[in-house]
Amino acid sequence: MSVEKINGFTSLQTHHCITGSLRHIYEFNGYPISEEMLLGLGSGVGFIYWHTAGSLPFLGGRSNLERPGEEGLEKAIGRRTGVKVESFHTESASKAEKALLEMLQANQPVMLILDMGYLPYFDFGGREYHFGYHAVVACGYDAETGQVLIADRDTEIHPVPLQDLAKARGSKYKPFPPHHRWYAFDFGQSHPPQPGEVREAIRYCTRGMIEPPISNLGVKGIHKAAQKVSVWPELMSETEFRETCINTAIMIDARGGTGGGLFRYMYGRFLEEVADLISDEGFRQAGGRMQAVGDSWESIAQLFEQAYHTDRAVEVLEKICSLLHHIAIQEEEVWKDLHRLVDGDRR
């Protein structure tokens, strides 16, 4: 017996797991919206360099993650589109499974956060890999086979046994254990995003990049990464160093779900949409400049992949560090101009 997806659900090709999953939910509920607009409305672009004891260094381009004091991208998008978004989590696998099956039986697709390392349709080339902040949409269930249908970033619908899904949702791997997290949505008061809300969303990102609370974030974080990357070979084993290089390359380019260029390509296209929404060509120009920043990040990804393969990695790291400082200058100029643009100051 084949598992059938919820009637009316369409699987889409997407870029980023979070915004892609949200687009699946929005489209199902009759609210057509681009993934780029979702990313922008959620104030989802930033920069972080992070390296704690016992883990490998991490470079990321997302911002506005839900945590105490921060509503997170998902709820920010909901607030700016009139959609009520609630997040739930539990340490009880049975409670999480019961809530999931009840929603699916009510013909409601469910956005889940889980560890992609436990999903049987991923191939990590024979190595173990865990990332616990991966988002998917459950869009069907067959009690006879015990399988849940999952929509991910590709157009294929993936049947996943309930036991595998439970492992993925309850993973304990750090730094992002998913805690069986899921989301519920109410579109009863939905509305198109308004210019003021769009400006507010952009302003959040500009402040995060120009005036970060700590030096690991924003433009300061990019400069800090340039300083830290040069000493990576001294801080870890050869195997850890090469794993860090290839992981960083993947997290920057499209393979890691950024849409390419560490989310800068997607954000550039968002700004072009904003130009039409607000009737201000300044945003279109800023979008083109953001795309150019994305090109620089793609060059960084290629260099990290080169460092992974070569026996002359130190020379490659020198190029990476120099280019990172250049990118920091590029980004600072674009974000400062955007900050003036959203506040109506063109001087």
Protein backbone atom coordinates (compact mmCIF):
# COMPACT_ATOMS: atom_id res chain seq x y z
CA MET A 1 0.00 0.00 0.00
CA SER A 2 1.47 3.38 -0.98
CA VAL A 3 1.42 6.31 1.40
CA GLU A 4 -0.61 9.21 0.04
CA LYS A 5 0.14 12.83 0.84
CA ILE A 6 -2.47 15.21 2.23
CA ASN A 7 -4.89 16.34 -0.45
CA GLY A 8 -3.86 19.69 -1.89
CA PHE A 9 -0.26 19.53 -0.67
CA THR A 10 2.41 20.25 -3.31
CA SER A 11 6.09 19.51 -2.80
CA LEU A 12 8.35 22.38 -3.91
CA GLN A 13 12.01 22.76 -4.83
CA THR A 14 13.42 25.06 -2.15
CA HIS A 15 16.72 26.60 -1.02
CA HIS A 16 16.78 26.73 2.78
CA CYS A 17 15.15 24.13 5.00
CA ILE A 18 13.42 26.64 7.30
CA THR A 19 12.08 29.08 4.71
CA GLY A 20 11.41 26.20 2.33
CA SER A 21 9.28 24.43 4.95
CA LEU A 22 7.46 27.66 5.72
CA ARG A 23 6.75 28.18 2.04
CA HIS A 24 5.24 24.68 1.87
CA ILE A 25 2.93 25.60 4.77
CA TYR A 26 2.03 29.04 3.37
CA GLU A 27 1.33 27.72 -0.13
CA PHE A 28 -0.84 24.89 1.25
CA ASN A 29 -2.89 27.48 3.14
CA GLY A 30 -3.51 29.59 0.05
CA TYR A 31 -0.87 32.24 0.76
CA PRO A 32 1.55 32.34 -2.22
CA ILE A 33 4.87 33.88 -1.21
CA SER A 34 8.47 33.54 -2.33
CA GLU A 35 11.08 31.90 -0.16
CA GLU A 36 13.16 35.06 -0.50
CA MET A 37 10.35 37.20 0.93
CA LEU A 38 9.98 34.78 3.83
CA LEU A 39 13.69 34.98 4.59
CA GLY A 40 13.62 38.78 4.47
CA LEU A 41 10.42 39.18 6.51
CA GLY A 42 11.93 36.89 9.13
CA SER A 43 15.06 39.07 9.40
CA GLY A 44 16.89 35.85 8.69
CA VAL A 45 20.30 37.01 7.44
CA GLY A 46 23.35 37.79 9.54
CA PHE A 47 26.74 36.34 10.37
CA ILE A 48 28.19 34.27 13.21
CA TYR A 49 31.60 32.79 13.92
CA TRP A 50 31.49 30.28 16.75
CA HIS A 51 34.06 27.91 18.22
CA THR A 52 33.60 26.33 21.64
CA ALA A 53 35.62 23.65 23.38
CA GLY A 54 34.82 20.17 22.14
CA SER A 55 33.27 21.31 18.85
CA LEU A 56 34.52 22.34 15.44
CA PRO A 57 34.50 26.01 14.32
CA PHE A 58 31.30 27.19 12.65
CA LEU A 59 30.62 30.02 10.19
CA GLY A 60 26.96 30.77 9.59
CA GLY A 61 24.88 33.30 7.70
CA ARG A 62 21.54 33.01 9.51
CA SER A 63 20.16 35.24 12.24
CA ASN A 64 17.04 35.60 14.38
CA LEU A 65 16.89 32.11 15.85
CA GLU A 66 14.13 31.58 18.40
CA ARG A 67 15.46 31.73 21.97
CA PRO A 68 14.59 33.52 25.23
CA GLY A 69 14.10 37.19 24.38
CA GLU A 70 13.98 36.57 20.61
CA GLU A 71 10.80 35.60 18.77
CA GLY A 72 12.73 33.93 15.96
CA LEU A 73 12.37 33.99 12.20
CA GLU A 74 9.27 31.80 12.11
CA LYS A 75 7.19 33.98 14.45
CA ALA A 76 8.55 37.22 13.00
CA ILE A 77 7.30 36.11 9.58
CA GLY A 78 3.96 35.23 11.11
CA ARG A 79 3.63 38.61 12.83
CA ARG A 80 4.41 40.45 9.59
CA THR A 81 1.92 38.39 7.55
CA GLY A 82 -0.88 38.16 10.11
CA VAL A 83 -0.34 34.43 10.62
CA LYS A 84 -0.38 33.11 14.18
CA VAL A 85 2.64 30.84 14.63
CA GLU A 86 3.11 28.67 17.71
CA SER A 87 6.11 26.50 18.50
CA PHE A 88 5.99 23.42 20.68
CA HIS A 89 8.61 21.09 22.08
CA THR A 90 8.72 18.15 24.43
CA GLU A 91 11.14 15.53 25.70
CA SER A 92 8.42 12.89 25.30
CA ALA A 93 8.65 11.03 21.98
CA SER A 94 5.17 9.55 22.45
CA LYS A 95 3.61 12.98 23.11
CA ALA A 96 5.33 14.44 20.04
CA GLU A 97 4.20 11.52 17.86
CA LYS A 98 0.61 11.76 19.11
CA ALA A 99 0.44 15.49 18.30
CA LEU A 100 1.94 14.88 14.85
CA LEU A 101 -0.49 12.11 13.90
CA GLU A 102 -3.49 14.09 15.14
CA MET A 103 -2.56 17.03 12.92
CA LEU A 104 -1.92 14.82 9.90
CA GLN A 105 -5.22 13.04 10.42
CA ALA A 106 -6.86 16.49 10.45
CA ASN A 107 -5.28 17.07 7.00
CA GLN A 108 -2.80 19.63 8.30
CA PRO A 109 0.86 19.38 7.20
CA VAL A 110 3.26 19.82 10.11
CA MET A 111 6.59 21.65 10.16
CA LEU A 112 9.12 19.65 12.21
CA ILE A 113 12.64 20.38 13.48
CA LEU A 114 14.90 17.34 13.58
CA ASP A 115 18.37 15.86 13.13
CA MET A 116 18.94 15.21 9.42
CA GLY A 117 21.55 12.58 10.26
CA TYR A 118 18.79 10.10 11.13
CA LEU A 119 16.75 10.60 7.96
CA PRO A 120 17.18 7.51 5.75
CA TYR A 121 16.98 9.40 2.45
CA PHE A 122 20.18 11.40 3.10
CA ASP A 123 23.54 10.04 1.95
CA PHE A 124 26.57 11.43 3.79
CA GLY A 125 29.13 9.42 1.85
CA GLY A 126 29.55 6.77 4.50
CA ARG A 127 30.41 9.18 7.32
CA GLU A 128 28.25 9.98 10.31
CA TYR A 129 26.85 13.50 10.28
CA HIS A 130 24.39 15.20 12.61
CA PHE A 131 22.66 18.56 12.40
CA GLY A 132 19.67 18.98 14.67
CA TYR A 133 18.16 22.20 13.36
CA HIS A 134 16.93 20.82 10.04
CA ALA A 135 13.33 21.62 9.11
CA VAL A 136 10.96 19.45 7.07
CA VAL A 137 7.22 19.19 6.56
CA ALA A 138 5.29 16.03 7.38
CA CYS A 139 2.55 15.78 4.77
CA GLY A 140 1.02 12.32 5.03
CA TYR A 141 0.78 9.15 7.15
CA ASP A 142 -0.08 5.51 6.57
CA ALA A 143 -0.93 3.56 9.74
CA GLU A 144 -0.62 0.27 7.88
CA THR A 145 3.05 0.74 7.01
CA GLY A 146 3.91 3.09 9.90
CA GLN A 147 5.40 5.63 7.51
CA VAL A 148 5.20 9.41 7.49
CA LEU A 149 5.66 11.34 4.24
CA ILE A 150 8.28 14.07 4.43
CA ALA A 151 8.76 17.08 2.12
CA ASP A 152 12.30 18.44 2.20
CA ARG A 153 14.23 20.80 -0.10
CA ASP A 154 13.73 18.65 -3.22
CA THR A 155 10.44 17.94 -4.96
CA GLU A 156 10.48 14.26 -4.00
CA ILE A 157 8.21 13.08 -1.19
CA HIS A 158 10.15 10.82 1.21
CA PRO A 159 8.45 8.02 3.19
CA VAL A 160 10.12 7.73 6.61
CA PRO A 161 9.32 5.02 9.20
CA LEU A 162 7.98 6.41 12.46
CA GLN A 163 10.87 4.92 14.42
CA ASP A 164 13.43 6.75 12.26
CA LEU A 165 11.45 9.96 12.57
CA ALA A 166 11.37 9.58 16.36
CA LYS A 167 15.18 9.21 16.44
CA ALA A 168 15.59 12.30 14.28
CA ARG A 169 13.20 14.37 16.40
CA GLY A 170 14.70 13.24 19.71
CA SER A 171 18.40 13.43 18.80
CA LYS A 172 20.73 14.46 21.62
CA TYR A 173 23.58 15.64 19.38
CA LYS A 174 24.85 19.11 20.15
CA PRO A 175 24.87 22.01 19.46
CA PHE A 176 21.29 21.81 18.14
CA PRO A 177 19.29 18.99 19.79
CA PRO A 178 15.77 19.38 18.29
CA HIS A 179 13.70 18.47 21.39
CA HIS A 180 10.87 17.12 19.18
CA ARG A 181 10.03 20.69 18.10
CA TRP A 182 7.07 21.38 15.81
CA TYR A 183 5.01 24.37 14.67
CA ALA A 184 1.31 25.13 14.29
CA PHE A 185 -0.16 27.89 12.10
CA ASP A 186 -3.42 29.84 12.00
CA PHE A 187 -4.03 31.78 8.75
CA GLY A 188 -7.40 33.21 9.84
CA GLN A 189 -6.10 36.80 10.02
CA SER A 190 -3.40 36.63 7.32
CA HIS A 191 -2.62 39.71 5.24
CA PRO A 192 0.03 40.84 2.73
CA PRO A 193 3.20 42.28 4.28
CA GLN A 194 3.09 46.05 4.61
CA PRO A 195 5.94 48.45 3.72
CA GLY A 196 6.46 49.41 7.35
CA GLU A 197 6.81 45.77 8.38
CA VAL A 198 9.28 45.14 5.56
CA ARG A 199 11.39 48.11 6.63
CA GLU A 200 11.31 46.87 10.22
CA ALA A 201 12.51 43.44 9.10
CA ILE A 202 15.43 44.93 7.16
CA ARG A 203 16.33 47.26 10.02
CA TYR A 204 16.71 44.26 12.37
CA CYS A 205 19.30 42.74 10.03
CA THR A 206 21.20 45.98 9.51
CA ARG A 207 21.55 46.53 13.24
CA GLY A 208 22.68 42.96 13.77
CA MET A 209 25.40 43.35 11.15
CA ILE A 210 26.57 46.89 12.02
CA GLU A 211 26.04 46.95 15.81
CA PRO A 212 26.34 43.34 17.01
CA PRO A 213 26.18 42.72 20.77
CA ILE A 214 29.37 40.61 20.70
CA SER A 215 32.40 40.45 18.40
CA ASN A 216 31.51 37.00 17.03
CA LEU A 217 28.52 38.43 15.16
CA GLY A 218 27.93 40.74 12.22
CA VAL A 219 30.70 42.58 10.39
CA LYS A 220 32.89 42.31 13.48
CA GLY A 221 32.37 38.56 13.37
CA ILE A 222 33.59 38.38 9.77
CA HIS A 223 36.79 40.23 10.74
CA LYS A 224 37.15 37.89 13.72
CA ALA A 225 36.73 34.84 11.50
CA ALA A 226 39.51 36.19 9.28
CA GLN A 227 41.79 36.30 12.33
CA LYS A 228 40.80 32.88 13.69
CA VAL A 229 40.85 30.83 10.48
CA SER A 230 44.59 31.34 10.08
CA VAL A 231 45.30 29.39 13.28
CA TRP A 232 42.89 26.50 12.70
CA PRO A 233 45.71 24.02 11.91
CA GLU A 234 47.21 24.74 15.34
CA LEU A 235 43.93 24.18 17.19
CA MET A 236 42.85 20.81 15.86
CA SER A 237 44.01 17.56 14.35
CA GLU A 238 44.55 17.12 10.62
CA THR A 239 41.29 15.19 10.33
CA GLU A 240 39.33 17.81 12.29
CA PHE A 241 40.86 20.62 10.25
CA ARG A 242 39.90 19.06 6.93
CA GLU A 243 36.41 18.22 8.19
CA THR A 244 35.98 21.84 9.29
CA CYS A 245 37.09 23.11 5.88
CA ILE A 246 34.64 20.94 3.90
CA ASN A 247 31.80 21.60 6.35
CA THR A 248 32.40 25.36 6.06
CA ALA A 249 32.40 25.18 2.26
CA ILE A 250 29.08 23.31 2.31
CA MET A 251 27.50 25.69 4.84
CA ILE A 252 28.36 28.66 2.63
CA ASP A 253 27.30 27.40 -0.79
CA ALA A 254 23.95 26.05 -1.95
CA ARG A 255 24.62 22.51 -0.75
CA GLY A 256 24.16 23.64 2.84
CA GLY A 257 20.76 25.18 2.21
CA THR A 258 21.81 28.83 1.94
CA GLY A 259 20.68 29.35 -1.64
CA GLY A 260 24.35 30.06 -2.36
CA GLY A 261 26.64 32.84 -1.15
CA LEU A 262 25.78 32.38 2.56
CA PHE A 263 22.15 33.48 2.01
CA ARG A 264 23.30 36.69 0.28
CA TYR A 265 21.89 35.63 -3.10
CA MET A 266 18.48 35.01 -1.54
CA TYR A 267 18.57 38.26 0.41
CA GLY A 268 19.57 40.18 -2.71
CA ARG A 269 16.51 38.82 -4.52
CA PHE A 270 14.38 39.74 -1.50
CA LEU A 271 15.58 43.33 -1.77
CA GLU A 272 14.61 43.36 -5.45
CA GLU A 273 11.10 42.24 -4.45
CA VAL A 274 11.05 45.01 -1.84
CA ALA A 275 11.85 47.56 -4.55
CA ASP A 276 8.59 46.61 -6.28
CA LEU A 277 6.59 46.41 -3.05
CA ILE A 278 7.73 49.82 -1.76
CA SER A 279 8.34 51.43 -5.18
CA ASP A 280 11.88 52.43 -4.28
CA GLU A 281 14.67 51.57 -6.73
CA GLY A 282 17.26 52.06 -3.99
CA PHE A 283 16.40 48.58 -2.73
CA ARG A 284 16.96 47.08 -6.18
CA GLN A 285 20.43 48.62 -6.30
CA ALA A 286 21.14 47.31 -2.81
CA GLY A 287 19.96 43.89 -3.97
CA GLY A 288 22.48 43.87 -6.79
CA ARG A 289 25.27 44.80 -4.38
CA MET A 290 24.18 42.04 -2.00
CA GLN A 291 24.39 39.56 -4.89
CA ALA A 292 27.99 40.72 -5.46
CA VAL A 293 28.72 40.01 -1.79
CA GLY A 294 27.29 36.54 -2.42
CA ASP A 295 29.82 36.07 -5.23
CA SER A 296 32.62 36.81 -2.75
CA TRP A 297 31.23 34.26 -0.31
CA GLU A 298 31.09 31.68 -3.09
CA SER A 299 34.80 32.30 -3.68
CA ILE A 300 35.38 31.65 0.03
CA ALA A 301 33.49 28.35 -0.23
CA GLN A 302 35.63 27.27 -3.17
CA LEU A 303 38.82 28.11 -1.26
CA PHE A 304 37.70 26.12 1.78
CA GLU A 305 37.00 23.14 -0.46
CA GLN A 306 40.44 23.58 -1.97
CA ALA A 307 41.95 23.64 1.54
CA TYR A 308 40.15 20.38 2.28
CA HIS A 309 41.85 18.62 -0.65
CA THR A 310 45.31 20.20 -0.84
CA ASP A 311 48.50 19.46 1.11
CA ARG A 312 49.31 23.20 0.95
CA ALA A 313 46.36 24.33 3.04
CA VAL A 314 48.27 27.09 4.84
CA GLU A 315 48.66 29.01 1.58
CA VAL A 316 44.95 28.67 0.89
CA LEU A 317 44.09 29.89 4.40
CA GLU A 318 46.07 33.07 3.75
CA LYS A 319 43.88 33.76 0.71
CA ILE A 320 40.74 33.00 2.73
CA CYS A 321 41.68 35.38 5.54
CA SER A 322 42.49 38.19 3.14
CA LEU A 323 39.21 37.73 1.28
CA LEU A 324 37.23 37.58 4.55
CA HIS A 325 38.53 41.02 5.52
CA HIS A 326 37.52 42.27 2.06
CA ILE A 327 34.03 40.78 2.46
CA ALA A 328 33.67 42.46 5.87
CA ILE A 329 34.31 45.82 4.21
CA GLN A 330 31.85 44.99 1.40
CA GLU A 331 29.16 43.96 3.85
CA GLU A 332 29.63 46.95 6.13
CA GLU A 333 29.10 49.33 3.21
CA VAL A 334 25.97 47.55 1.96
CA TRP A 335 24.37 47.17 5.39
CA LYS A 336 25.05 50.80 6.33
CA ASP A 337 23.49 51.95 3.08
CA LEU A 338 20.49 49.70 3.70
CA HIS A 339 20.15 51.10 7.21
CA ARG A 340 19.99 54.64 5.81
CA LEU A 341 17.56 53.47 3.13
CA VAL A 342 15.02 51.97 5.54
CA ASP A 343 15.14 55.10 7.66
CA GLY A 344 14.57 57.32 4.64
CA ASP A 345 17.99 59.00 4.75
CA ARG A 346 19.69 59.02 1.33
CA ARG A 347 22.56 61.33 2.30
